[in-house]
N, C-alpha and C. Protein backbone atom coordinates (compact mmCIF):
# COMPACT_ATOMS: atom_id res chain seq x y z
N MET A 1 -51.36 138.11 8.79
CA MET A 1 -51.57 136.56 9.82
C MET A 1 -53.52 136.12 9.10
N TRP A 2 -53.00 135.18 8.74
CA TRP A 2 -54.00 134.46 7.71
C TRP A 2 -54.64 133.53 8.64
N THR A 3 -55.97 133.28 8.40
CA THR A 3 -56.53 131.83 9.58
C THR A 3 -57.07 131.54 8.97
N ASP A 4 -58.28 132.45 7.72
CA ASP A 4 -58.81 131.90 6.69
C ASP A 4 -57.93 131.57 5.02
N LEU A 5 -57.70 130.28 5.07
CA LEU A 5 -57.09 129.91 3.88
C LEU A 5 -58.32 129.47 2.52
N SER A 6 -58.97 129.35 2.81
CA SER A 6 -60.59 128.81 1.68
C SER A 6 -59.50 129.50 0.98
N GLN A 7 -59.71 130.83 0.16
CA GLN A 7 -59.29 131.70 -1.04
C GLN A 7 -57.27 131.14 -1.86
N LYS A 8 -57.27 131.70 -1.08
CA LYS A 8 -55.58 131.62 -1.13
C LYS A 8 -55.29 131.13 -1.87
N ARG A 9 -54.52 131.71 -3.40
CA ARG A 9 -53.86 130.47 -3.67
C ARG A 9 -52.33 130.77 -4.46
N LEU A 10 -51.40 130.10 -5.17
CA LEU A 10 -50.51 130.85 -5.56
C LEU A 10 -49.73 132.50 -5.45
N ALA A 11 -50.79 133.28 -6.48
CA ALA A 11 -50.68 134.56 -6.68
C ALA A 11 -50.35 134.90 -5.20
N ASP A 12 -51.24 135.02 -3.90
CA ASP A 12 -51.69 135.12 -2.93
C ASP A 12 -50.29 134.91 -2.43
N VAL A 13 -48.99 133.74 -2.39
CA VAL A 13 -48.32 134.00 -1.95
C VAL A 13 -46.50 134.39 -2.47
N THR A 14 -47.01 134.20 -3.31
CA THR A 14 -44.92 134.57 -4.08
C THR A 14 -44.98 135.80 -4.45
N HIS A 15 -45.95 136.86 -3.69
CA HIS A 15 -45.31 137.91 -3.41
C HIS A 15 -44.29 137.73 -2.19
N PHE A 16 -44.00 136.88 -1.47
CA PHE A 16 -43.42 136.60 -0.09
C PHE A 16 -42.40 136.19 -0.78
N SER A 17 -41.65 136.24 0.41
CA SER A 17 -40.89 135.19 0.43
C SER A 17 -40.51 134.13 1.51
N ALA A 18 -41.23 134.44 2.76
CA ALA A 18 -40.60 133.67 3.22
C ALA A 18 -42.59 133.56 3.82
N ILE A 19 -42.79 131.44 4.38
CA ILE A 19 -44.46 131.71 5.16
C ILE A 19 -43.74 131.50 6.84
N TYR A 20 -44.58 131.84 7.21
CA TYR A 20 -44.11 131.01 8.64
C TYR A 20 -45.49 130.32 9.33
N ILE A 21 -45.53 128.90 9.75
CA ILE A 21 -46.09 128.72 10.06
C ILE A 21 -46.59 127.96 11.74
N GLY A 22 -47.32 128.45 12.47
CA GLY A 22 -47.26 129.09 14.12
C GLY A 22 -48.44 127.24 14.22
N GLY A 23 -48.11 127.71 15.57
CA GLY A 23 -48.86 126.78 16.29
C GLY A 23 -50.20 126.44 16.65
N GLY A 24 -50.75 125.58 17.43
CA GLY A 24 -52.04 125.00 18.11
C GLY A 24 -52.31 123.86 17.59
N ASN A 25 -53.71 123.29 17.45
CA ASN A 25 -54.06 121.91 17.69
C ASN A 25 -53.26 121.27 15.95
N THR A 26 -52.37 120.78 16.61
CA THR A 26 -52.01 120.43 14.96
C THR A 26 -52.52 119.15 14.02
N PHE A 27 -53.95 118.58 14.42
CA PHE A 27 -54.69 117.81 13.34
C PHE A 27 -55.62 118.82 12.66
N LYS A 28 -55.98 120.21 13.78
CA LYS A 28 -56.93 121.00 13.11
C LYS A 28 -56.10 121.44 12.17
N LEU A 29 -54.64 122.04 12.22
CA LEU A 29 -54.36 122.65 11.24
C LEU A 29 -54.08 122.04 9.85
N LEU A 30 -53.81 120.60 10.00
CA LEU A 30 -53.28 119.64 8.95
C LEU A 30 -55.08 120.03 8.05
N HIS A 31 -55.95 119.68 8.74
CA HIS A 31 -57.10 119.63 8.36
C HIS A 31 -57.26 120.80 7.60
N ASP A 32 -57.22 121.33 8.08
CA ASP A 32 -57.52 123.62 7.03
C ASP A 32 -56.44 123.59 6.79
N PHE A 33 -55.42 122.76 6.28
CA PHE A 33 -54.38 122.69 4.25
C PHE A 33 -54.38 122.21 3.90
N LYS A 34 -55.18 120.45 4.04
CA LYS A 34 -56.25 119.65 2.58
C LYS A 34 -57.44 120.21 2.27
N GLN A 35 -58.17 120.54 3.68
CA GLN A 35 -59.47 121.06 3.41
C GLN A 35 -59.35 121.96 2.35
N THR A 36 -58.33 122.68 2.47
CA THR A 36 -58.28 124.29 1.45
C THR A 36 -56.94 124.21 0.23
N GLY A 37 -56.44 122.99 0.35
CA GLY A 37 -55.61 122.89 -0.71
C GLY A 37 -54.34 123.48 -0.55
N PHE A 38 -54.54 124.05 0.56
CA PHE A 38 -53.04 124.96 1.46
C PHE A 38 -51.69 124.68 1.43
N ASP A 39 -51.99 122.96 1.27
CA ASP A 39 -50.41 122.11 1.86
C ASP A 39 -49.79 122.11 0.19
N HIS A 40 -50.55 122.22 -1.11
CA HIS A 40 -50.39 121.80 -2.07
C HIS A 40 -49.81 122.76 -2.54
N LEU A 41 -50.41 124.23 -2.42
CA LEU A 41 -49.73 125.55 -2.28
C LEU A 41 -48.48 125.61 -2.04
N LEU A 42 -48.02 125.25 -0.14
CA LEU A 42 -47.28 125.26 -0.09
C LEU A 42 -46.08 124.59 -0.77
N LEU A 43 -46.37 123.36 -1.29
CA LEU A 43 -45.63 122.44 -1.85
C LEU A 43 -44.95 123.85 -3.35
N GLN A 44 -46.17 124.10 -3.77
CA GLN A 44 -45.61 124.56 -4.79
C GLN A 44 -44.62 126.11 -5.00
N PHE A 45 -45.25 126.98 -3.13
CA PHE A 45 -44.09 127.77 -3.46
C PHE A 45 -42.96 127.21 -2.89
N LEU A 46 -43.01 126.79 -2.37
CA LEU A 46 -40.98 125.92 -2.14
C LEU A 46 -40.53 125.63 -3.13
N ASP A 47 -41.41 124.59 -4.01
CA ASP A 47 -40.79 123.97 -5.82
C ASP A 47 -40.29 125.86 -6.14
N GLN A 48 -40.41 126.64 -5.75
CA GLN A 48 -40.78 128.36 -6.76
C GLN A 48 -39.16 128.84 -5.89
N GLY A 49 -38.83 128.43 -5.12
CA GLY A 49 -37.13 129.14 -4.23
C GLY A 49 -37.77 129.92 -2.86
N GLY A 50 -39.54 129.02 -2.72
CA GLY A 50 -40.16 129.94 -1.48
C GLY A 50 -38.99 129.68 0.15
N ILE A 51 -39.72 129.83 1.61
CA ILE A 51 -39.33 129.47 2.29
C ILE A 51 -40.10 129.06 2.85
N VAL A 52 -39.98 127.98 3.55
CA VAL A 52 -41.45 127.67 5.43
C VAL A 52 -40.91 127.59 6.09
N TYR A 53 -41.17 127.98 7.47
CA TYR A 53 -41.03 128.30 8.43
C TYR A 53 -41.81 127.58 10.01
N GLY A 54 -41.28 126.43 9.97
CA GLY A 54 -42.26 126.16 10.95
C GLY A 54 -42.86 125.46 12.09
N GLY A 55 -43.47 126.73 13.14
CA GLY A 55 -42.83 126.14 14.89
C GLY A 55 -44.20 125.65 15.51
N SER A 56 -43.66 124.58 16.03
CA SER A 56 -44.61 123.83 17.01
C SER A 56 -45.02 122.47 15.50
N ALA A 57 -46.43 123.09 16.04
CA ALA A 57 -47.22 122.03 14.79
C ALA A 57 -47.42 122.51 13.40
N GLY A 58 -46.85 123.61 13.08
CA GLY A 58 -46.17 124.45 12.39
C GLY A 58 -45.14 123.52 11.54
N ALA A 59 -44.21 122.89 12.19
CA ALA A 59 -43.09 122.21 12.31
C ALA A 59 -43.57 120.43 12.09
N ILE A 60 -44.51 120.16 13.19
CA ILE A 60 -44.62 118.55 12.51
C ILE A 60 -45.43 118.78 11.37
N VAL A 61 -46.02 119.72 10.88
CA VAL A 61 -46.88 119.15 9.66
C VAL A 61 -45.78 119.59 8.84
N LEU A 62 -44.99 119.24 8.76
CA LEU A 62 -44.19 119.60 7.57
C LEU A 62 -43.42 117.93 7.42
N GLY A 63 -43.48 117.43 8.92
CA GLY A 63 -42.66 116.24 8.92
C GLY A 63 -43.61 115.16 7.85
N LYS A 64 -43.25 113.40 8.06
CA LYS A 64 -43.73 112.38 7.34
C LYS A 64 -45.43 111.95 7.44
N SER A 65 -45.79 112.04 9.08
CA SER A 65 -47.35 111.83 9.50
C SER A 65 -46.94 113.19 10.94
N ILE A 66 -48.18 112.77 11.36
CA ILE A 66 -48.60 114.32 12.01
C ILE A 66 -48.81 113.68 13.37
N MET A 67 -48.62 112.32 13.85
CA MET A 67 -49.14 111.25 14.33
C MET A 67 -48.52 111.67 15.83
N THR A 68 -47.23 112.21 16.01
CA THR A 68 -46.04 112.55 16.93
C THR A 68 -47.36 113.42 17.99
N ALA A 69 -47.80 114.36 17.69
CA ALA A 69 -48.74 115.45 17.97
C ALA A 69 -49.60 114.51 18.87
N SER A 70 -49.78 113.73 18.38
CA SER A 70 -51.15 112.97 18.99
C SER A 70 -51.07 112.53 20.59
N PHE A 71 -49.28 112.97 21.27
CA PHE A 71 -48.74 112.98 22.29
C PHE A 71 -49.21 114.04 23.23
N LEU A 72 -49.94 115.18 22.38
CA LEU A 72 -49.94 116.23 23.28
C LEU A 72 -51.60 116.99 22.21
N ASP A 73 -51.80 117.00 21.26
CA ASP A 73 -53.30 117.92 20.94
C ASP A 73 -54.17 116.52 20.84
N PRO A 74 -55.10 117.00 21.33
CA PRO A 74 -57.01 115.93 20.67
C PRO A 74 -56.95 116.23 18.73
N ASN A 75 -57.77 114.95 18.34
CA ASN A 75 -57.95 115.12 17.08
C ASN A 75 -58.96 115.51 17.13
N GLU A 76 -59.71 116.71 17.09
CA GLU A 76 -60.39 117.19 17.54
C GLU A 76 -61.13 117.56 16.35
N VAL A 77 -61.11 117.29 15.09
CA VAL A 77 -61.51 117.80 13.73
C VAL A 77 -61.91 115.81 13.33
N ALA A 78 -61.76 115.03 14.11
CA ALA A 78 -61.27 114.17 13.56
C ALA A 78 -60.74 113.34 11.80
N LEU A 79 -59.48 114.00 12.13
CA LEU A 79 -58.59 113.91 10.58
C LEU A 79 -58.12 112.59 10.80
N GLN A 80 -58.76 111.76 9.39
CA GLN A 80 -58.43 110.40 9.11
C GLN A 80 -57.25 110.55 8.93
N ASP A 81 -56.48 111.15 7.41
CA ASP A 81 -55.21 111.45 6.98
C ASP A 81 -54.08 112.16 7.65
N THR A 82 -53.60 111.68 8.09
CA THR A 82 -52.49 112.41 8.59
C THR A 82 -51.70 113.26 8.48
N THR A 83 -51.30 112.18 7.15
CA THR A 83 -50.15 112.31 6.57
C THR A 83 -49.43 113.76 6.66
N GLY A 84 -48.53 113.94 6.27
CA GLY A 84 -47.76 115.37 6.43
C GLY A 84 -47.70 115.79 5.59
N LEU A 85 -46.84 116.94 5.12
CA LEU A 85 -46.11 117.27 3.91
C LEU A 85 -44.53 116.44 3.28
N ASP A 86 -44.61 115.58 3.77
CA ASP A 86 -43.32 114.84 4.17
C ASP A 86 -41.81 116.01 3.34
N LEU A 87 -41.50 116.73 4.24
CA LEU A 87 -40.29 117.40 3.50
C LEU A 87 -39.45 116.72 4.02
N LEU A 88 -39.15 115.57 5.04
CA LEU A 88 -37.53 115.37 5.48
C LEU A 88 -37.43 114.16 5.86
N GLN A 89 -37.11 114.23 4.35
CA GLN A 89 -36.99 112.92 4.12
C GLN A 89 -37.32 111.57 4.50
N GLY A 90 -38.44 111.40 4.99
CA GLY A 90 -39.33 110.73 5.59
C GLY A 90 -39.87 110.28 7.36
N TYR A 91 -38.43 111.45 7.47
CA TYR A 91 -38.68 111.51 8.75
C TYR A 91 -40.15 112.04 9.61
N SER A 92 -40.51 112.08 10.82
CA SER A 92 -41.61 112.53 11.38
C SER A 92 -40.80 113.17 12.64
N VAL A 93 -41.62 114.68 13.02
CA VAL A 93 -41.06 115.43 13.54
C VAL A 93 -41.78 115.57 15.33
N TRP A 94 -41.30 115.43 15.87
CA TRP A 94 -41.04 115.92 17.90
C TRP A 94 -41.28 117.31 18.21
N CYS A 95 -42.22 117.95 18.31
CA CYS A 95 -42.04 119.05 19.32
C CYS A 95 -41.89 119.29 20.74
N HIS A 96 -41.30 119.97 20.83
CA HIS A 96 -40.82 120.44 22.51
C HIS A 96 -40.23 119.07 23.72
N TYR A 97 -39.35 118.60 22.52
CA TYR A 97 -38.94 117.28 22.87
C TYR A 97 -38.42 117.92 24.65
N GLN A 98 -38.34 116.77 24.84
CA GLN A 98 -37.58 116.55 26.53
C GLN A 98 -37.02 114.97 26.39
N ARG A 99 -35.91 114.91 27.32
CA ARG A 99 -35.65 113.52 27.32
C ARG A 99 -36.28 112.81 27.91
N GLU A 100 -37.23 112.59 28.92
CA GLU A 100 -38.36 112.52 29.57
C GLU A 100 -39.50 111.57 28.22
N ASP A 101 -39.39 111.92 26.53
CA ASP A 101 -40.05 111.70 26.10
C ASP A 101 -39.27 110.74 25.19
N ASP A 102 -38.27 110.00 25.19
CA ASP A 102 -38.22 109.10 24.47
C ASP A 102 -38.40 107.67 24.50
N LEU A 103 -39.55 107.31 25.60
CA LEU A 103 -40.21 106.17 25.45
C LEU A 103 -41.09 106.41 24.42
N LYS A 104 -42.23 107.41 25.02
CA LYS A 104 -42.73 108.27 23.89
C LYS A 104 -42.83 107.79 22.67
N ILE A 105 -41.50 108.31 22.69
CA ILE A 105 -40.49 108.51 21.33
C ILE A 105 -40.77 107.28 20.89
N ARG A 106 -40.05 106.27 21.20
CA ARG A 106 -39.81 105.03 21.07
C ARG A 106 -41.16 104.14 20.36
N ALA A 107 -42.27 104.45 20.75
CA ALA A 107 -43.30 103.54 20.85
C ALA A 107 -43.79 104.66 20.16
N TYR A 108 -44.02 105.55 19.59
CA TYR A 108 -44.58 105.51 18.44
C TYR A 108 -43.24 105.60 17.31
N ILE A 109 -42.27 105.18 17.32
CA ILE A 109 -41.94 104.36 15.46
C ILE A 109 -42.34 103.06 16.21
N GLU A 110 -42.13 102.47 17.10
CA GLU A 110 -43.04 100.64 16.93
C GLU A 110 -44.48 100.84 16.10
N GLN A 111 -45.32 102.10 16.17
CA GLN A 111 -47.05 102.03 16.06
C GLN A 111 -46.44 102.06 14.58
N TYR A 112 -45.66 103.35 14.05
CA TYR A 112 -46.29 104.04 12.32
C TYR A 112 -44.74 103.94 11.95
N GLN A 113 -44.16 103.20 12.59
CA GLN A 113 -43.14 102.81 11.43
C GLN A 113 -42.05 103.87 10.79
N HIS A 114 -42.19 105.23 11.40
CA HIS A 114 -41.35 106.20 11.17
C HIS A 114 -39.94 106.88 11.26
N PRO A 115 -38.86 106.96 11.68
CA PRO A 115 -38.35 107.75 12.41
C PRO A 115 -38.91 109.19 12.44
N VAL A 116 -37.96 109.88 13.76
CA VAL A 116 -38.57 110.48 13.97
C VAL A 116 -37.47 111.67 14.99
N ILE A 117 -37.45 113.23 14.60
CA ILE A 117 -36.46 114.31 14.21
C ILE A 117 -36.91 114.64 15.65
N ALA A 118 -36.29 114.70 16.85
CA ALA A 118 -36.82 115.30 18.01
C ALA A 118 -36.18 117.15 17.98
N LEU A 119 -37.19 117.48 18.34
CA LEU A 119 -36.35 119.11 18.60
C LEU A 119 -37.12 119.84 19.85
N SER A 120 -36.23 120.14 20.76
CA SER A 120 -36.49 121.21 21.49
C SER A 120 -37.06 122.92 21.19
N GLU A 121 -37.18 123.06 22.71
CA GLU A 121 -38.01 124.23 22.11
C GLU A 121 -36.20 125.39 22.45
N GLN A 122 -34.97 124.66 22.38
CA GLN A 122 -33.53 125.45 21.52
C GLN A 122 -33.12 125.28 20.56
N THR A 123 -33.74 124.44 19.89
CA THR A 123 -32.87 124.31 18.44
C THR A 123 -34.44 124.18 16.87
N GLY A 124 -33.73 124.17 15.98
CA GLY A 124 -34.27 123.90 15.12
C GLY A 124 -34.06 122.88 14.04
N LEU A 125 -34.45 122.52 12.42
CA LEU A 125 -33.68 122.24 11.81
C LEU A 125 -34.14 123.14 10.07
N CYS A 126 -32.62 123.21 9.73
CA CYS A 126 -32.79 124.02 8.35
C CYS A 126 -32.59 122.72 7.42
N VAL A 127 -34.22 123.09 6.48
CA VAL A 127 -33.35 122.19 5.32
C VAL A 127 -33.25 122.94 4.03
N ASP A 128 -32.49 122.45 2.71
CA ASP A 128 -32.32 123.46 2.05
C ASP A 128 -31.85 122.24 0.99
N ALA A 129 -31.50 122.83 -0.35
CA ALA A 129 -30.94 121.88 -0.90
C ALA A 129 -28.80 121.19 -0.56
N ASP A 130 -28.62 121.74 0.02
CA ASP A 130 -27.69 121.16 0.39
C ASP A 130 -27.34 120.01 1.39
N GLY A 131 -29.27 120.30 1.68
CA GLY A 131 -29.73 119.06 3.32
C GLY A 131 -30.53 119.16 4.07
N MET A 132 -30.15 118.75 5.40
CA MET A 132 -30.45 119.82 6.60
C MET A 132 -29.06 119.81 8.10
N HIS A 133 -29.32 121.26 8.69
CA HIS A 133 -28.72 121.19 9.06
C HIS A 133 -29.44 122.13 10.67
N VAL A 134 -28.69 122.12 11.76
CA VAL A 134 -29.09 122.01 12.60
C VAL A 134 -28.78 123.61 12.44
N VAL A 135 -29.94 124.37 13.36
CA VAL A 135 -30.05 125.71 13.84
C VAL A 135 -30.33 125.67 15.43
N GLY A 136 -29.67 127.06 15.99
CA GLY A 136 -29.95 126.84 17.54
C GLY A 136 -29.47 126.73 18.24
N PHE A 137 -28.92 126.41 19.69
CA PHE A 137 -29.05 126.06 20.28
C PHE A 137 -28.56 124.73 21.25
N ALA A 138 -29.07 124.05 20.74
CA ALA A 138 -29.34 122.97 20.88
C ALA A 138 -28.95 121.48 20.29
N PRO A 139 -28.33 120.13 20.39
CA PRO A 139 -28.71 119.02 19.80
C PRO A 139 -29.69 118.94 19.66
N ILE A 140 -30.24 118.72 17.89
CA ILE A 140 -31.10 117.80 17.86
C ILE A 140 -31.19 116.59 17.80
N ILE A 141 -32.46 115.54 17.94
CA ILE A 141 -32.18 113.69 18.61
C ILE A 141 -32.63 113.04 17.10
N VAL A 142 -31.94 112.33 16.33
CA VAL A 142 -33.19 111.48 15.29
C VAL A 142 -32.70 110.40 15.60
N PHE A 143 -33.89 109.78 15.82
CA PHE A 143 -34.88 108.37 16.51
C PHE A 143 -35.12 107.83 15.53
N GLN A 144 -34.35 106.61 15.46
CA GLN A 144 -34.68 104.96 14.17
C GLN A 144 -35.00 104.01 14.12
N ARG A 145 -35.21 102.93 14.61
CA ARG A 145 -35.87 101.85 14.54
C ARG A 145 -34.65 101.36 15.75
N GLN A 146 -33.41 100.88 16.14
CA GLN A 146 -32.94 100.26 17.04
C GLN A 146 -31.71 101.39 16.93
N ARG A 147 -31.62 102.61 17.37
CA ARG A 147 -30.42 103.96 17.72
C ARG A 147 -31.44 105.08 17.67
N GLN A 148 -30.25 105.90 18.57
CA GLN A 148 -30.59 107.71 18.14
C GLN A 148 -28.94 107.63 18.02
N VAL A 149 -29.69 109.19 17.60
CA VAL A 149 -28.70 109.60 16.77
C VAL A 149 -28.83 111.44 17.07
N SER A 150 -27.91 112.18 18.26
CA SER A 150 -27.43 113.37 18.49
C SER A 150 -26.53 113.87 17.87
N PHE A 151 -26.94 115.27 17.00
CA PHE A 151 -26.52 116.06 16.33
C PHE A 151 -26.45 117.40 16.65
N ALA A 152 -25.25 118.25 16.79
CA ALA A 152 -24.75 119.39 17.32
C ALA A 152 -25.30 120.37 17.08
N PRO A 153 -25.16 122.10 17.52
CA PRO A 153 -25.92 122.94 16.22
C PRO A 153 -25.15 123.49 15.57
N ALA A 154 -25.57 124.23 14.59
CA ALA A 154 -24.99 124.51 13.23
C ALA A 154 -24.14 122.90 12.63
N SER A 155 -24.36 121.16 12.96
CA SER A 155 -23.26 120.51 12.01
C SER A 155 -25.22 119.67 11.21
N PRO A 156 -24.33 119.38 10.30
CA PRO A 156 -24.51 118.79 9.03
C PRO A 156 -25.89 117.44 9.74
N VAL A 157 -27.53 117.53 9.18
CA VAL A 157 -27.94 116.27 9.18
C VAL A 157 -27.77 115.14 8.63
N LYS A 158 -26.59 114.02 8.99
CA LYS A 158 -26.59 113.08 7.99
C LYS A 158 -27.51 111.53 8.50
N ILE A 159 -28.49 111.41 7.67
CA ILE A 159 -28.85 110.21 7.85
C ILE A 159 -29.10 109.05 7.30
N LEU A 160 -28.53 107.62 7.96
CA LEU A 160 -28.36 106.62 7.29
C LEU A 160 -29.46 105.93 7.30
C-alpha cells in the first residue's frame, strides 16, 4: 500500500497488473493525485493495458467530476480543480447510493451539468474496450437531465 505518491513513476506500477484505489476523503485523494502527477501516471498505466479498481473515493475520482463527493466529504484541502480522470464517458460517480439520494443527485446534475452513475454498496461498474458492464448484485442507476435508467447486474450499460 502506498500513502506517499510523490516519487512514483510509471516504472513503479508497470510490474503490477492492477491498481486498487481505496476510499477516504475524495478531495484529498484527488489533490494528492494532481500534486504528484499520479493522475497522469494512472492514465498511462491504463493505456498500457493495466487495470484500475476504485472503491468509494477511488471510484469517484475516475468520473468526470468529484463534486458528487461534496455531499459526503468536506473539501479540507481547498481543492479548486475537481475534474476527475473522466474515464466514464463524461459521467460522474455517486457512491454509496440509496434511493433517498435521488433529489441530491438531481440537484447535482442541475448545478454541474454532468450526468451521474449511481453505485450502491452491492454493485460496481466494469469499463473495458467493449464498453461498460454492471458487476455485482444490484443494478446501477444512470441519471441524466430528464431521466434515470436502471441497468441490471451482468448487463451492458448503453448510454444514450
